[in-house]
Protein backbone atom coordinates (compact mmCIF):
# COMPACT_ATOMS: atom_id res chain seq x y z
CA UNK A 1 36.32 230.36 187.62
CA UNK A 2 39.87 231.14 188.80
CA UNK A 3 41.60 230.53 192.13
CA UNK A 4 41.96 234.24 192.90
CA UNK A 5 38.17 234.71 192.85
CA UNK A 6 37.37 232.10 195.51
CA UNK A 7 39.88 232.83 198.27
CA UNK A 8 38.65 232.32 201.82
CA UNK A 9 38.44 235.44 203.98
CA UNK A 10 38.21 233.36 207.17
CA UNK A 11 41.48 231.40 207.39
CA UNK A 12 44.72 233.29 208.21
CA UNK A 13 48.26 231.91 207.79
CA UNK A 14 50.55 230.94 210.65
CA UNK A 15 53.96 232.50 211.24
CA UNK A 16 57.07 230.35 211.47
CA UNK A 17 57.52 231.63 215.04
CA UNK A 18 54.09 230.35 216.13
CA UNK A 19 54.01 227.28 218.35
CA UNK A 20 52.67 223.86 217.45
CA UNK A 21 50.01 224.38 220.12
CA UNK A 22 48.79 227.55 218.39
CA UNK A 23 48.70 225.73 215.04
CA UNK A 24 46.51 222.96 216.47
CA UNK A 25 44.26 225.50 218.19
CA UNK A 26 43.74 227.38 214.93
CA UNK A 27 43.04 224.16 213.04
CA UNK A 28 40.33 223.34 215.54
CA UNK A 29 39.01 226.91 215.41
CA UNK A 30 38.74 226.98 211.61
CA UNK A 31 37.84 223.28 211.24
CA UNK A 32 40.70 222.41 208.89
CA UNK A 33 43.56 219.90 209.00
CA UNK A 34 46.14 222.10 207.27
CA UNK A 35 47.39 225.69 207.57
CA UNK A 36 49.93 227.69 205.53
CA UNK A 37 53.09 228.91 207.25
CA UNK A 38 54.76 232.24 206.45
CA UNK A 39 58.35 233.38 207.05
CA UNK A 40 59.55 236.90 206.27
CA UNK A 41 56.43 237.46 204.18
CA UNK A 42 56.97 234.32 202.09
CA UNK A 43 54.94 231.12 201.97
CA UNK A 44 57.27 228.35 203.21
CA UNK A 45 54.91 225.40 203.40
CA UNK A 46 51.79 223.73 204.66
CA UNK A 47 51.66 222.18 208.14
CA UNK A 48 49.19 219.37 208.84
CA UNK A 49 47.45 218.18 211.97
CA UNK A 50 48.93 214.71 211.49
CA UNK A 51 52.50 216.06 211.41
CA UNK A 52 51.87 218.17 214.50
CA UNK A 53 50.45 215.27 216.50
CA UNK A 54 53.64 213.31 215.76
CA UNK A 55 55.68 215.93 217.65
CA UNK A 56 56.59 215.52 221.33
CA UNK A 57 56.87 219.20 222.34
CA UNK A 58 54.23 221.40 220.78
CA UNK A 59 55.37 224.42 222.79
CA UNK A 60 58.26 224.77 220.32
CA UNK A 61 57.95 227.06 217.29
CA UNK A 62 57.07 225.65 213.88
CA UNK A 63 60.54 226.72 212.72
CA UNK A 64 62.05 224.46 215.37
CA UNK A 65 59.63 221.57 214.89
CA UNK A 66 59.99 221.32 211.10
CA UNK A 67 63.09 221.78 208.99
CA UNK A 68 61.06 221.34 205.82
CA UNK A 69 57.34 221.51 205.07
CA UNK A 70 55.53 220.33 201.94
CA UNK A 71 54.71 223.25 199.67
CA UNK A 72 51.65 222.46 197.57
CA UNK A 73 49.96 225.52 196.08
CA UNK A 74 48.01 226.77 193.08
CA UNK A 75 48.61 229.90 191.05
CA UNK A 76 46.01 232.65 191.15
CA UNK A 77 44.96 232.01 187.54
CA UNK A 78 44.47 228.24 188.05
CA UNK A 79 41.11 226.94 186.83
CA UNK A 80 38.58 225.20 189.05
CA UNK A 81 39.46 221.80 187.57
CA UNK A 82 43.14 222.29 188.49
CA UNK A 83 42.13 223.21 192.04
CA UNK A 84 40.06 220.05 192.40
CA UNK A 85 43.01 218.00 191.17
CA UNK A 86 45.31 219.60 193.78
CA UNK A 87 42.86 218.88 196.60
CA UNK A 88 42.49 215.25 195.53
CA UNK A 89 46.18 214.64 194.83
CA UNK A 90 47.49 216.04 198.12
CA UNK A 91 44.39 215.24 200.24
CA UNK A 92 44.14 218.83 201.47
CA UNK A 93 41.57 220.76 203.47
CA UNK A 94 43.05 224.11 202.39
CA UNK A 95 45.05 225.01 199.29
CA UNK A 96 47.43 228.03 199.33
CA UNK A 97 47.23 230.39 196.35
CA UNK A 98 50.19 232.40 195.02
CA UNK A 99 50.60 234.87 192.19
CA UNK A 100 53.10 234.23 189.40
CA UNK A 101 55.81 235.99 191.44
CA UNK A 102 54.97 233.51 194.23
CA UNK A 103 53.56 236.14 196.56
CA UNK A 104 51.09 234.61 198.98
CA UNK A 105 47.47 235.65 198.33
CA UNK A 106 45.47 233.39 200.65
CA UNK A 107 43.93 229.93 200.77
CA UNK A 108 40.96 228.13 199.30
CA UNK A 109 39.00 226.00 201.75
CA UNK A 110 37.87 222.56 200.57
CA UNK A 111 34.61 222.99 202.45
CA UNK A 112 33.88 226.35 200.84
CA UNK A 113 34.89 225.01 197.42
CA UNK A 114 32.44 222.12 197.75
CA UNK A 115 29.71 224.54 198.78
CA UNK A 116 30.49 226.67 195.73
CA UNK A 117 30.32 223.61 193.48
CA UNK A 118 26.96 222.67 194.95
CA UNK A 119 25.66 226.20 194.38
CA UNK A 120 26.91 226.53 190.80
CA UNK A 121 26.73 223.02 189.33
CA UNK A 122 22.98 222.50 189.34
CA UNK A 123 22.85 220.34 192.48
CA UNK A 124 20.41 222.73 194.09
CA UNK A 125 18.15 222.78 191.04
CA UNK A 126 15.11 220.54 190.87
CA UNK A 127 15.85 217.50 188.75
CA UNK A 128 17.09 213.92 188.60
CA UNK A 129 20.23 211.90 187.98
CA UNK A 130 20.74 209.31 185.25
CA UNK A 131 23.79 207.00 185.08
CA UNK A 132 24.82 205.46 181.76
CA UNK A 133 27.58 202.93 181.05
CA UNK A 134 29.29 202.51 177.69
CA UNK A 135 32.58 201.80 175.96
CA UNK A 136 34.83 204.84 176.09
CA UNK A 137 35.06 204.84 172.28
CA UNK A 138 31.27 205.09 172.03
CA UNK A 139 31.00 208.23 174.16
CA UNK A 140 29.47 211.07 172.15
CA UNK A 141 28.34 214.10 174.11
CA UNK A 142 26.42 215.53 171.17
CA UNK A 143 24.24 212.43 170.86
CA UNK A 144 23.63 212.19 174.62
CA UNK A 145 22.56 215.85 174.72
CA UNK A 146 20.35 215.36 171.65
CA UNK A 147 18.54 212.43 173.28
CA UNK A 148 17.90 214.41 176.47
CA UNK A 149 16.78 217.55 174.60
CA UNK A 150 14.51 215.57 172.27
CA UNK A 151 12.47 214.85 175.41
CA UNK A 152 12.11 218.55 176.22
CA UNK A 153 14.74 218.38 178.98
CA UNK A 154 18.15 219.94 179.62
CA UNK A 155 21.40 218.60 181.05
CA UNK A 156 22.25 220.65 184.14
CA UNK A 157 25.52 218.87 184.81
CA UNK A 158 27.57 215.96 183.53
CA UNK A 159 30.68 214.11 184.63
CA UNK A 160 32.45 211.06 183.31
CA UNK A 161 34.16 208.42 185.46
CA UNK A 162 36.57 205.86 184.03
CA UNK A 163 36.22 202.33 185.37
CA UNK A 164 39.52 200.78 186.55
CA UNK A 165 40.96 197.97 184.40
CA UNK A 166 38.20 198.44 181.85
CA UNK A 167 37.48 200.14 178.55
CA UNK A 168 34.10 201.26 179.88
CA UNK A 169 33.05 204.58 181.36
CA UNK A 170 30.10 205.80 183.39
CA UNK A 171 28.36 209.02 182.38
CA UNK A 172 26.45 210.74 185.17
CA UNK A 173 23.79 213.18 183.99
CA UNK A 174 21.95 215.74 186.11
CA UNK A 175 18.72 216.50 184.22
CA UNK A 176 16.11 219.18 184.93
CA UNK A 177 13.17 216.76 185.00
CA UNK A 178 11.79 214.69 187.88
CA UNK A 179 10.35 211.92 185.71
CA UNK A 180 13.00 210.28 183.53
CA UNK A 181 10.88 207.45 182.10
CA UNK A 182 10.67 208.83 178.55
CA UNK A 183 14.36 209.76 178.51
CA UNK A 184 15.36 206.30 179.73
CA UNK A 185 13.25 204.62 177.04
CA UNK A 186 14.91 206.79 174.38
CA UNK A 187 18.41 205.92 175.60
CA UNK A 188 17.49 202.23 175.56
CA UNK A 189 16.24 202.54 171.97
CA UNK A 190 19.70 203.84 171.09
CA UNK A 191 21.25 200.81 172.84
CA UNK A 192 22.65 202.74 175.81
CA UNK A 193 22.96 200.81 179.05
CA UNK A 194 21.13 202.65 181.82
CA UNK A 195 22.74 201.66 185.13
CA UNK A 196 20.65 203.70 187.54
CA UNK A 197 18.31 206.63 187.90
CA UNK A 198 17.45 208.76 190.91
CA UNK A 199 14.25 210.66 190.47
CA UNK A 200 11.22 212.21 192.16
CA UNK A 201 11.52 212.63 195.95
CA UNK A 202 14.03 209.82 196.39
CA UNK A 203 16.93 211.43 194.56
CA UNK A 204 17.15 214.88 196.22
CA UNK A 205 17.10 213.31 199.68
CA UNK A 206 19.84 210.86 198.76
CA UNK A 207 22.01 213.57 197.24
CA UNK A 208 21.47 215.79 200.28
CA UNK A 209 22.39 212.96 202.67
CA UNK A 210 25.60 212.22 200.77
CA UNK A 211 26.48 215.90 200.61
CA UNK A 212 25.98 216.30 204.37
CA UNK A 213 28.13 213.22 205.05
CA UNK A 214 30.92 214.67 202.92
CA UNK A 215 30.73 218.07 204.63
CA UNK A 216 30.80 216.36 208.04
CA UNK A 217 33.91 214.37 207.01
CA UNK A 218 35.72 217.52 205.87
CA UNK A 219 34.94 219.33 209.14
CA UNK A 220 36.34 216.53 211.34
């Protein structure tokens, strides 16, 4: 999945001649905290709600209010993982996308990207979540998959989180079964530490609540 395939068709760029008031109005209209700014057909930077609220006269143009704007962007051929890294690193609600000649193509919305992840990563599929903890050196994806599949189940999704100041990692598995009892027993026989499991009716509700909280935060 590349950046050029998931551009938003809802969020337009500002012009450098637009006022700070217009920028804030558009941010409220499109429920974002950032907007790209164009000058003479070129992407010159990203203006944020925080920077605008620090200004005393929002009737002035963006050109007058800001001599320089931060210019985070992703290239059109950037992979989904690179996009996620950009959003996290710069704490963005939109990410501008340029081609390799640095022509502006559009933006990716964090809210739409999260929705896409939910739709394509198995979160909407019926199943459960299992959390394992282990030493990083002991992590073997092939063995984890073999244990799950030996119980007639499939891994829908997996992500690994590294624990700070530790050699341990947590492996989060999304599995296409509601009842994980047999899978948990098998992991324990192989000396895996099972930290938590979310299954049956409890887990989908919890995931849905957390997802809604995150979407609400992004739309503030």
